Amino acid sequence: MKNRLIAAGVLLPVLLLVALVAPKIVAAVVYGLLLAVGVHEVLYRTGLVTHFRLVFYSAAMAVTMSVWSCYGGQTAYGLLIVLVFLMLVFGEMMHDHVKVRFEMIAMCITAGCVVPYLLTGVVRILALSLGRYLVLIPFVVAFLSDTGAYIIGKRFGKHKLSPVVSPNKTMEGFLGGIVAAMVGMVLYTLILQLLQFRVNYFYALLYGFLGSIVGTFGDLCFSVIKRQSGLKDYGTIIPGHGGVMDRFDSMVMVAPLMEALLRILPVAV
């Protein structure tokens, strides 16, 4: 617990500085580099893909996806980026179809393309007209949901949520995470209102409610991968938390959901 708090105390100011102050392209590159580390964790550390060039292509794709999102995520350029990536990874399979199996290519596409696209919802939010004010919403929902679930689960948890996949998660913690995310979104929306934005508190509650649910699902999805690979954590880069994907697993689902909700049901205008 102590290491978790220390790491959070160091990472939170850095996160705020990058998201709120740094030029958007700098934020996109920093985020992309974190995604590249996450790709390495999911592919190489798990042992699912140990082919150097495939892992490199996938990590480079993650960085490129983040930069692409920073510049508006235009479809034509995105298609070209994906096309080049597919040609590279399938080219490796054609070069050595005995060692490079289609399952490895599918894993690279998932880890290097699909997951980064979902996670870079944060960067696409930053690229919106009010992006500087809205970009923290996915982090508020995901991190408060995780924190609420951890605290309530530790103190009151009795009923297992998914004993096989994640033995420490409980129904009580799950509900505590939902409440924490909803309260956090209401407080964040209140701050936006104090900054003279027109806000919708019902939407804020909806963001927190849905975000916490899908965030827990994302967490469990990546826990399954760890269990199948025999890992406790994806890495050790963040003391007390593990690897990048240990910290951002829930964001895989939360970030794109928040992006979609901000476009369909904007919480502030």
C-alpha atoms as a PDB file:
ATOM      1  CA  MET A   1       0.000   0.000   0.000  1.00  0.00           C
ATOM      2  CA  LYS A   2       2.833   2.385   0.884  1.00  0.00           C
ATOM      3  CA  ASN A   3       4.559   1.849  -2.469  1.00  0.00           C
ATOM      4  CA  ARG A   4       1.268   2.352  -4.301  1.00  0.00           C
ATOM      5  CA  LEU A   5       0.734   5.698  -2.574  1.00  0.00           C
ATOM      6  CA  ILE A   6       4.304   6.873  -3.212  1.00  0.00           C
ATOM      7  CA  ALA A   7       4.111   5.928  -6.875  1.00  0.00           C
ATOM      8  CA  ALA A   8       0.742   7.648  -7.222  1.00  0.00           C
ATOM      9  CA  GLY A   9       2.147  10.753  -5.529  1.00  0.00           C
ATOM     10  CA  VAL A  10       4.951  10.917  -8.092  1.00  0.00           C
ATOM     11  CA  LEU A  11       2.960   9.941 -11.182  1.00  0.00           C
ATOM     12  CA  LEU A  12      -0.082  12.138 -10.578  1.00  0.00           C
ATOM     13  CA  PRO A  13       1.755  15.510 -10.833  1.00  0.00           C
ATOM     14  CA  VAL A  14       3.586  14.266 -13.949  1.00  0.00           C
ATOM     15  CA  LEU A  15       0.296  13.171 -15.465  1.00  0.00           C
ATOM     16  CA  LEU A  16      -1.307  16.531 -14.732  1.00  0.00           C
ATOM     17  CA  LEU A  17       1.681  18.413 -16.148  1.00  0.00           C
ATOM     18  CA  VAL A  18       1.681  16.421 -19.392  1.00  0.00           C
ATOM     19  CA  ALA A  19      -2.094  16.479 -19.864  1.00  0.00           C
ATOM     20  CA  LEU A  20      -2.799  20.083 -18.892  1.00  0.00           C
ATOM     21  CA  VAL A  21       0.348  22.066 -19.703  1.00  0.00           C
ATOM     22  CA  ALA A  22       2.575  20.293 -22.234  1.00  0.00           C
ATOM     23  CA  PRO A  23       1.981  20.879 -25.973  1.00  0.00           C
ATOM     24  CA  LYS A  24      -0.489  18.347 -27.331  1.00  0.00           C
ATOM     25  CA  ILE A  25       2.091  16.643 -29.535  1.00  0.00           C
ATOM     26  CA  VAL A  26       4.396  16.197 -26.526  1.00  0.00           C
ATOM     27  CA  ALA A  27       1.538  14.658 -24.541  1.00  0.00           C
ATOM     28  CA  ALA A  28       0.771  12.351 -27.486  1.00  0.00           C
ATOM     29  CA  VAL A  29       4.390  11.204 -27.782  1.00  0.00           C
ATOM     30  CA  VAL A  30       4.722  10.582 -24.025  1.00  0.00           C
ATOM     31  CA  TYR A  31       1.478   8.638 -24.024  1.00  0.00           C
ATOM     32  CA  GLY A  32       2.589   6.740 -27.122  1.00  0.00           C
ATOM     33  CA  LEU A  33       5.853   5.724 -25.462  1.00  0.00           C
ATOM     34  CA  LEU A  34       3.903   4.404 -22.480  1.00  0.00           C
ATOM     35  CA  LEU A  35       1.751   2.436 -24.904  1.00  0.00           C
ATOM     36  CA  ALA A  36       4.888   1.039 -26.539  1.00  0.00           C
ATOM     37  CA  VAL A  37       6.037  -0.232 -23.138  1.00  0.00           C
ATOM     38  CA  GLY A  38       2.583  -1.750 -22.677  1.00  0.00           C
ATOM     39  CA  VAL A  39       2.853  -3.513 -26.034  1.00  0.00           C
ATOM     40  CA  HIS A  40       6.206  -4.999 -25.009  1.00  0.00           C
ATOM     41  CA  GLU A  41       4.658  -6.203 -21.755  1.00  0.00           C
ATOM     42  CA  VAL A  42       1.646  -7.836 -23.424  1.00  0.00           C
ATOM     43  CA  LEU A  43       3.631  -9.503 -26.214  1.00  0.00           C
ATOM     44  CA  TYR A  44       7.187 -10.141 -25.028  1.00  0.00           C
ATOM     45  CA  ARG A  45       6.971 -10.381 -21.245  1.00  0.00           C
ATOM     46  CA  THR A  46       4.053 -12.805 -21.471  1.00  0.00           C
ATOM     47  CA  GLY A  47       6.002 -14.905 -23.954  1.00  0.00           C
ATOM     48  CA  LEU A  48       3.160 -14.748 -26.473  1.00  0.00           C
ATOM     49  CA  VAL A  49       5.392 -13.125 -29.121  1.00  0.00           C
ATOM     50  CA  THR A  50       9.183 -13.084 -28.694  1.00  0.00           C
ATOM     51  CA  HIS A  51      10.024 -12.292 -32.323  1.00  0.00           C
ATOM     52  CA  PHE A  52      12.001  -9.029 -32.086  1.00  0.00           C
ATOM     53  CA  ARG A  53      10.791  -7.344 -35.285  1.00  0.00           C
ATOM     54  CA  LEU A  54       7.156  -8.199 -34.652  1.00  0.00           C
ATOM     55  CA  VAL A  55       7.331  -6.694 -31.169  1.00  0.00           C
ATOM     56  CA  PHE A  56       9.161  -3.637 -32.547  1.00  0.00           C
ATOM     57  CA  TYR A  57       6.592  -3.087 -35.316  1.00  0.00           C
ATOM     58  CA  SER A  58       3.780  -3.377 -32.780  1.00  0.00           C
ATOM     59  CA  ALA A  59       5.399  -0.939 -30.341  1.00  0.00           C
ATOM     60  CA  ALA A  60       6.102   1.539 -33.162  1.00  0.00           C
ATOM     61  CA  MET A  61       2.468   1.210 -34.252  1.00  0.00           C
ATOM     62  CA  ALA A  62       1.348   2.171 -30.750  1.00  0.00           C
ATOM     63  CA  VAL A  63       3.418   5.375 -30.814  1.00  0.00           C
ATOM     64  CA  THR A  64       2.218   6.187 -34.335  1.00  0.00           C
ATOM     65  CA  MET A  65      -1.400   5.642 -33.306  1.00  0.00           C
ATOM     66  CA  SER A  66      -1.016   8.157 -30.496  1.00  0.00           C
ATOM     67  CA  VAL A  67       0.521  10.811 -32.769  1.00  0.00           C
ATOM     68  CA  TRP A  68      -2.171  10.130 -35.394  1.00  0.00           C
ATOM     69  CA  SER A  69      -4.866  10.670 -32.770  1.00  0.00           C
ATOM     70  CA  CYS A  70      -3.259  13.971 -31.753  1.00  0.00           C
ATOM     71  CA  TYR A  71      -3.741  15.300 -35.282  1.00  0.00           C
ATOM     72  CA  GLY A  72      -7.437  14.528 -35.360  1.00  0.00           C
ATOM     73  CA  GLY A  73      -7.402  10.858 -36.284  1.00  0.00           C
ATOM     74  CA  GLN A  74      -8.209  11.430 -39.947  1.00  0.00           C
ATOM     75  CA  THR A  75      -9.467   8.220 -41.535  1.00  0.00           C
ATOM     76  CA  ALA A  76      -7.331   8.297 -44.689  1.00  0.00           C
ATOM     77  CA  TYR A  77      -4.054   8.571 -42.791  1.00  0.00           C
ATOM     78  CA  GLY A  78      -5.220   5.963 -40.289  1.00  0.00           C
ATOM     79  CA  LEU A  79      -5.945   3.507 -43.096  1.00  0.00           C
ATOM     80  CA  LEU A  80      -2.480   4.052 -44.557  1.00  0.00           C
ATOM     81  CA  ILE A  81      -0.835   3.530 -41.162  1.00  0.00           C
ATOM     82  CA  VAL A  82      -2.742   0.300 -40.564  1.00  0.00           C
ATOM     83  CA  LEU A  83      -1.988  -0.890 -44.105  1.00  0.00           C
ATOM     84  CA  VAL A  84       1.770  -0.405 -43.633  1.00  0.00           C
ATOM     85  CA  PHE A  85       1.635  -2.168 -40.257  1.00  0.00           C
ATOM     86  CA  LEU A  86      -0.258  -5.144 -41.701  1.00  0.00           C
ATOM     87  CA  MET A  87       2.181  -5.419 -44.611  1.00  0.00           C
ATOM     88  CA  LEU A  88       5.110  -5.476 -42.192  1.00  0.00           C
ATOM     89  CA  VAL A  89       3.748  -8.137 -39.835  1.00  0.00           C
ATOM     90  CA  PHE A  90       2.329 -10.350 -42.585  1.00  0.00           C
ATOM     91  CA  GLY A  91       5.605  -9.907 -44.459  1.00  0.00           C
ATOM     92  CA  GLU A  92       7.370 -11.483 -41.488  1.00  0.00           C
ATOM     93  CA  MET A  93       5.019 -14.453 -41.673  1.00  0.00           C
ATOM     94  CA  MET A  94       5.664 -14.899 -45.397  1.00  0.00           C
ATOM     95  CA  HIS A  95       9.405 -14.639 -44.762  1.00  0.00           C
ATOM     96  CA  ASP A  96       9.325 -17.459 -42.193  1.00  0.00           C
ATOM     97  CA  HIS A  97       5.903 -19.087 -42.061  1.00  0.00           C
ATOM     98  CA  VAL A  98       7.190 -21.961 -39.931  1.00  0.00           C
ATOM     99  CA  LYS A  99       8.242 -19.867 -36.925  1.00  0.00           C
ATOM    100  CA  VAL A 100       5.867 -16.936 -37.434  1.00  0.00           C
ATOM    101  CA  ARG A 101       2.363 -18.327 -37.102  1.00  0.00           C
ATOM    102  CA  PHE A 102      -0.889 -16.520 -37.824  1.00  0.00           C
ATOM    103  CA  GLU A 103      -1.724 -16.586 -34.098  1.00  0.00           C
ATOM    104  CA  MET A 104       1.352 -14.417 -33.479  1.00  0.00           C
ATOM    105  CA  ILE A 105       0.216 -11.957 -36.160  1.00  0.00           C
ATOM    106  CA  ALA A 106      -3.232 -11.792 -34.567  1.00  0.00           C
ATOM    107  CA  MET A 107      -1.657 -11.061 -31.177  1.00  0.00           C
ATOM    108  CA  CYS A 108       0.462  -8.281 -32.716  1.00  0.00           C
ATOM    109  CA  ILE A 109      -2.592  -6.723 -34.361  1.00  0.00           C
ATOM    110  CA  THR A 110      -4.470  -6.839 -31.059  1.00  0.00           C
ATOM    111  CA  ALA A 111      -1.625  -5.492 -28.896  1.00  0.00           C
ATOM    112  CA  GLY A 112      -0.126  -3.078 -31.431  1.00  0.00           C
ATOM    113  CA  CYS A 113      -3.214  -1.768 -33.204  1.00  0.00           C
ATOM    114  CA  VAL A 114      -6.547  -2.486 -31.489  1.00  0.00           C
ATOM    115  CA  VAL A 115      -5.520  -1.830 -27.884  1.00  0.00           C
ATOM    116  CA  PRO A 116      -3.553   1.374 -28.716  1.00  0.00           C
ATOM    117  CA  TYR A 117      -6.500   2.653 -30.767  1.00  0.00           C
ATOM    118  CA  LEU A 118      -8.793   2.182 -27.768  1.00  0.00           C
ATOM    119  CA  LEU A 119      -6.325   3.707 -25.295  1.00  0.00           C
ATOM    120  CA  THR A 120      -5.585   6.730 -27.510  1.00  0.00           C
ATOM    121  CA  GLY A 121      -9.156   7.802 -26.954  1.00  0.00           C
ATOM    122  CA  VAL A 122      -7.435   9.947 -24.310  1.00  0.00           C
ATOM    123  CA  VAL A 123      -5.366  11.699 -26.997  1.00  0.00           C
ATOM    124  CA  ARG A 124      -8.422  12.211 -29.210  1.00  0.00           C
ATOM    125  CA  ILE A 125     -10.223  13.782 -26.247  1.00  0.00           C
ATOM    126  CA  LEU A 126      -7.252  16.112 -25.790  1.00  0.00           C
ATOM    127  CA  ALA A 127      -7.562  17.092 -29.463  1.00  0.00           C
ATOM    128  CA  LEU A 128     -11.183  18.276 -28.945  1.00  0.00           C
ATOM    129  CA  SER A 129     -11.903  21.997 -28.664  1.00  0.00           C
ATOM    130  CA  LEU A 130     -12.358  21.697 -24.881  1.00  0.00           C
ATOM    131  CA  GLY A 131      -9.824  18.886 -24.633  1.00  0.00           C
ATOM    132  CA  ARG A 132      -7.627  20.460 -21.960  1.00  0.00           C
ATOM    133  CA  TYR A 133     -10.633  20.592 -19.615  1.00  0.00           C
ATOM    134  CA  LEU A 134     -11.989  17.140 -20.466  1.00  0.00           C
ATOM    135  CA  VAL A 135      -8.865  14.986 -20.887  1.00  0.00           C
ATOM    136  CA  LEU A 136      -8.702  14.007 -17.217  1.00  0.00           C
ATOM    137  CA  ILE A 137     -12.191  12.471 -17.243  1.00  0.00           C
ATOM    138  CA  PRO A 138     -11.047   8.947 -18.263  1.00  0.00           C
ATOM    139  CA  PHE A 139      -8.346   9.046 -15.576  1.00  0.00           C
ATOM    140  CA  VAL A 140     -10.773  10.278 -12.918  1.00  0.00           C
ATOM    141  CA  VAL A 141     -13.242   7.502 -13.716  1.00  0.00           C
ATOM    142  CA  ALA A 142     -10.689   4.691 -14.060  1.00  0.00           C
ATOM    143  CA  PHE A 143      -8.406   5.598 -11.168  1.00  0.00           C
ATOM    144  CA  LEU A 144     -11.146   6.464  -8.671  1.00  0.00           C
ATOM    145  CA  SER A 145     -13.009   3.306  -9.606  1.00  0.00           C
ATOM    146  CA  ASP A 146      -9.837   1.258  -9.002  1.00  0.00           C
ATOM    147  CA  THR A 147      -9.104   3.079  -5.736  1.00  0.00           C
ATOM    148  CA  GLY A 148     -12.660   2.816  -4.451  1.00  0.00           C
ATOM    149  CA  ALA A 149     -12.791  -0.873  -5.303  1.00  0.00           C
ATOM    150  CA  TYR A 150      -9.436  -1.486  -3.599  1.00  0.00           C
ATOM    151  CA  ILE A 151     -10.315   0.348  -0.379  1.00  0.00           C
ATOM    152  CA  ILE A 152     -13.870  -0.962  -0.004  1.00  0.00           C
ATOM    153  CA  GLY A 153     -12.852  -4.458  -1.074  1.00  0.00           C
ATOM    154  CA  LYS A 154     -10.044  -4.570   1.492  1.00  0.00           C
ATOM    155  CA  ARG A 155     -12.325  -3.454   4.300  1.00  0.00           C
ATOM    156  CA  PHE A 156     -15.690  -4.984   3.502  1.00  0.00           C
ATOM    157  CA  GLY A 157     -15.087  -7.513   0.713  1.00  0.00           C
ATOM    158  CA  LYS A 158     -16.620 -10.939   1.318  1.00  0.00           C
ATOM    159  CA  HIS A 159     -18.191 -12.101  -1.938  1.00  0.00           C
ATOM    160  CA  LYS A 160     -15.783 -12.904  -4.785  1.00  0.00           C
ATOM    161  CA  LEU A 161     -16.457 -11.154  -8.089  1.00  0.00           C
ATOM    162  CA  SER A 162     -14.347 -13.449 -10.291  1.00  0.00           C
ATOM    163  CA  PRO A 163     -12.447 -15.906  -8.084  1.00  0.00           C
ATOM    164  CA  VAL A 164     -10.665 -17.723 -10.918  1.00  0.00           C
ATOM    165  CA  VAL A 165      -9.489 -14.672 -12.875  1.00  0.00           C
ATOM    166  CA  SER A 166      -8.892 -12.198 -10.037  1.00  0.00           C
ATOM    167  CA  PRO A 167      -9.247 -13.722  -6.541  1.00  0.00           C
ATOM    168  CA  ASN A 168      -8.865 -10.380  -4.739  1.00  0.00           C
ATOM    169  CA  LYS A 169     -11.795  -8.655  -6.449  1.00  0.00           C
ATOM    170  CA  THR A 170     -15.093  -8.673  -4.580  1.00  0.00           C
ATOM    171  CA  MET A 171     -18.656  -7.613  -5.287  1.00  0.00           C
ATOM    172  CA  GLU A 172     -18.418  -5.116  -2.425  1.00  0.00           C
ATOM    173  CA  GLY A 173     -15.288  -3.607  -3.965  1.00  0.00           C
ATOM    174  CA  PHE A 174     -16.945  -3.523  -7.390  1.00  0.00           C
ATOM    175  CA  LEU A 175     -19.897  -1.540  -5.995  1.00  0.00           C
ATOM    176  CA  GLY A 176     -17.531   0.707  -4.042  1.00  0.00           C
ATOM    177  CA  GLY A 177     -15.660   1.441  -7.257  1.00  0.00           C
ATOM    178  CA  ILE A 178     -18.883   2.451  -9.019  1.00  0.00           C
ATOM    179  CA  VAL A 179     -19.806   4.854  -6.215  1.00  0.00           C
ATOM    180  CA  ALA A 180     -16.284   6.339  -6.115  1.00  0.00           C
ATOM    181  CA  ALA A 181     -16.284   6.917  -9.880  1.00  0.00           C
ATOM    182  CA  MET A 182     -19.734   8.559  -9.782  1.00  0.00           C
ATOM    183  CA  VAL A 183     -18.780  10.832  -6.875  1.00  0.00           C
ATOM    184  CA  GLY A 184     -15.512  11.715  -8.606  1.00  0.00           C
ATOM    185  CA  MET A 185     -17.337  12.665 -11.805  1.00  0.00           C
ATOM    186  CA  VAL A 186     -19.815  14.851  -9.921  1.00  0.00           C
ATOM    187  CA  LEU A 187     -16.951  16.703  -8.224  1.00  0.00           C
ATOM    188  CA  TYR A 188     -15.110  17.072 -11.538  1.00  0.00           C
ATOM    189  CA  THR A 189     -18.265  18.418 -13.166  1.00  0.00           C
ATOM    190  CA  LEU A 190     -18.680  20.873 -10.298  1.00  0.00           C
ATOM    191  CA  ILE A 191     -15.191  22.203 -11.021  1.00  0.00           C
ATOM    192  CA  LEU A 192     -16.113  22.602 -14.687  1.00  0.00           C
ATOM    193  CA  GLN A 193     -19.211  24.543 -13.646  1.00  0.00           C
ATOM    194  CA  LEU A 194     -17.089  26.845 -11.479  1.00  0.00           C
ATOM    195  CA  LEU A 195     -15.014  27.476 -14.603  1.00  0.00           C
ATOM    196  CA  GLN A 196     -18.201  28.798 -16.255  1.00  0.00           C
ATOM    197  CA  PHE A 197     -19.066  25.737 -18.351  1.00  0.00           C
ATOM    198  CA  ARG A 198     -22.648  24.565 -18.757  1.00  0.00           C
ATOM    199  CA  VAL A 199     -22.702  21.076 -17.286  1.00  0.00           C
ATOM    200  CA  ASN A 200     -25.032  18.106 -16.970  1.00  0.00           C
ATOM    201  CA  TYR A 201     -24.801  16.264 -13.658  1.00  0.00           C
ATOM    202  CA  PHE A 202     -26.939  13.361 -14.832  1.00  0.00           C
ATOM    203  CA  TYR A 203     -24.454  12.720 -17.616  1.00  0.00           C
ATOM    204  CA  ALA A 204     -21.644  12.956 -15.065  1.00  0.00           C
ATOM    205  CA  LEU A 205     -23.248  10.195 -12.990  1.00  0.00           C
ATOM    206  CA  LEU A 206     -23.746   8.134 -16.148  1.00  0.00           C
ATOM    207  CA  TYR A 207     -20.063   8.563 -17.070  1.00  0.00           C
ATOM    208  CA  GLY A 208     -18.996   7.313 -13.641  1.00  0.00           C
ATOM    209  CA  PHE A 209     -21.475   4.437 -13.546  1.00  0.00           C
ATOM    210  CA  LEU A 210     -20.783   3.033 -17.010  1.00  0.00           C
ATOM    211  CA  GLY A 211     -17.068   3.843 -16.864  1.00  0.00           C
ATOM    212  CA  SER A 212     -16.561   1.902 -13.647  1.00  0.00           C
ATOM    213  CA  ILE A 213     -18.369  -1.157 -15.023  1.00  0.00           C
ATOM    214  CA  VAL A 214     -16.452  -1.316 -18.310  1.00  0.00           C
ATOM    215  CA  GLY A 215     -13.211  -0.475 -16.498  1.00  0.00           C
ATOM    216  CA  THR A 216     -13.633  -3.505 -14.248  1.00  0.00           C
ATOM    217  CA  PHE A 217     -14.321  -5.619 -17.328  1.00  0.00           C
ATOM    218  CA  GLY A 218     -11.118  -4.352 -18.956  1.00  0.00           C
ATOM    219  CA  ASP A 219      -9.158  -5.109 -15.802  1.00  0.00           C
ATOM    220  CA  LEU A 220     -10.460  -8.673 -15.777  1.00  0.00           C
ATOM    221  CA  CYS A 221      -9.707  -9.140 -19.489  1.00  0.00           C
ATOM    222  CA  PHE A 222      -6.027  -8.363 -18.997  1.00  0.00           C
ATOM    223  CA  SER A 223      -5.935 -10.381 -15.780  1.00  0.00           C
ATOM    224  CA  VAL A 224      -6.960 -13.423 -17.829  1.00  0.00           C
ATOM    225  CA  ILE A 225      -3.947 -12.899 -20.099  1.00  0.00           C
ATOM    226  CA  LYS A 226      -1.651 -12.739 -17.067  1.00  0.00           C
ATOM    227  CA  ARG A 227      -3.128 -15.889 -15.571  1.00  0.00           C
ATOM    228  CA  GLN A 228      -2.726 -17.797 -18.842  1.00  0.00           C
ATOM    229  CA  SER A 229       0.883 -16.589 -19.091  1.00  0.00           C
ATOM    230  CA  GLY A 230       1.699 -17.432 -15.472  1.00  0.00           C
ATOM    231  CA  LEU A 231       2.452 -13.811 -14.528  1.00  0.00           C
ATOM    232  CA  LYS A 232       1.509 -11.893 -11.403  1.00  0.00           C
ATOM    233  CA  ASP A 233       2.207  -8.504 -13.011  1.00  0.00           C
ATOM    234  CA  TYR A 234       3.014  -7.307 -16.512  1.00  0.00           C
ATOM    235  CA  GLY A 235       6.137  -5.533 -15.254  1.00  0.00           C
ATOM    236  CA  THR A 236       7.792  -3.630 -12.416  1.00  0.00           C
ATOM    237  CA  ILE A 237       8.122  -0.169 -13.948  1.00  0.00           C
ATOM    238  CA  ILE A 238       5.583   1.355 -11.513  1.00  0.00           C
ATOM    239  CA  PRO A 239       6.382   0.433  -7.881  1.00  0.00           C
ATOM    240  CA  GLY A 240       3.400  -1.028  -6.084  1.00  0.00           C
ATOM    241  CA  HIS A 241       1.359  -1.189  -9.294  1.00  0.00           C
ATOM    242  CA  GLY A 242       3.379  -3.404 -11.639  1.00  0.00           C
ATOM    243  CA  GLY A 243       3.724  -2.619 -15.319  1.00  0.00           C
ATOM    244  CA  VAL A 244       2.082  -0.061 -17.574  1.00  0.00           C
ATOM    245  CA  MET A 245      -0.712  -2.484 -18.480  1.00  0.00           C
ATOM    246  CA  ASP A 246      -1.308  -3.290 -14.815  1.00  0.00           C
ATOM    247  CA  ARG A 247      -2.085   0.380 -14.289  1.00  0.00           C
ATOM    248  CA  PHE A 248      -3.847   1.100 -17.587  1.00  0.00           C
ATOM    249  CA  ASP A 249      -5.748  -2.152 -18.179  1.00  0.00           C
ATOM    250  CA  SER A 250      -9.078  -0.640 -17.164  1.00  0.00           C
ATOM    251  CA  MET A 251      -8.371   2.390 -19.365  1.00  0.00           C
ATOM    252  CA  VAL A 252      -8.534   0.141 -22.455  1.00  0.00           C
ATOM    253  CA  MET A 253     -12.309   0.171 -22.015  1.00  0.00           C
ATOM    254  CA  VAL A 254     -12.784   3.455 -20.155  1.00  0.00           C
ATOM    255  CA  ALA A 255     -10.916   5.746 -22.585  1.00  0.00           C
ATOM    256  CA  PRO A 256     -12.938   4.907 -25.732  1.00  0.00           C
ATOM    257  CA  LEU A 257     -16.206   4.916 -23.766  1.00  0.00           C
ATOM    258  CA  MET A 258     -15.486   8.387 -22.382  1.00  0.00           C
ATOM    259  CA  GLU A 259     -14.522   9.605 -25.858  1.00  0.00           C
ATOM    260  CA  ALA A 260     -17.791   8.284 -27.276  1.00  0.00           C
ATOM    261  CA  LEU A 261     -19.887   9.750 -24.445  1.00  0.00           C
ATOM    262  CA  LEU A 262     -18.195  13.146 -24.745  1.00  0.00           C
ATOM    263  CA  ARG A 263     -19.116  13.217 -28.417  1.00  0.00           C
ATOM    264  CA  ILE A 264     -22.661  11.879 -28.001  1.00  0.00           C
ATOM    265  CA  LEU A 265     -23.656  13.157 -24.535  1.00  0.00           C
ATOM    266  CA  PRO A 266     -21.234  15.977 -23.672  1.00  0.00           C
ATOM    267  CA  VAL A 267     -21.016  16.560 -19.944  1.00  0.00           C
ATOM    268  CA  ALA A 268     -19.862  20.168 -20.438  1.00  0.00           C
ATOM    269  CA  VAL A 269     -20.143  22.772 -23.201  1.00  0.00           C
END
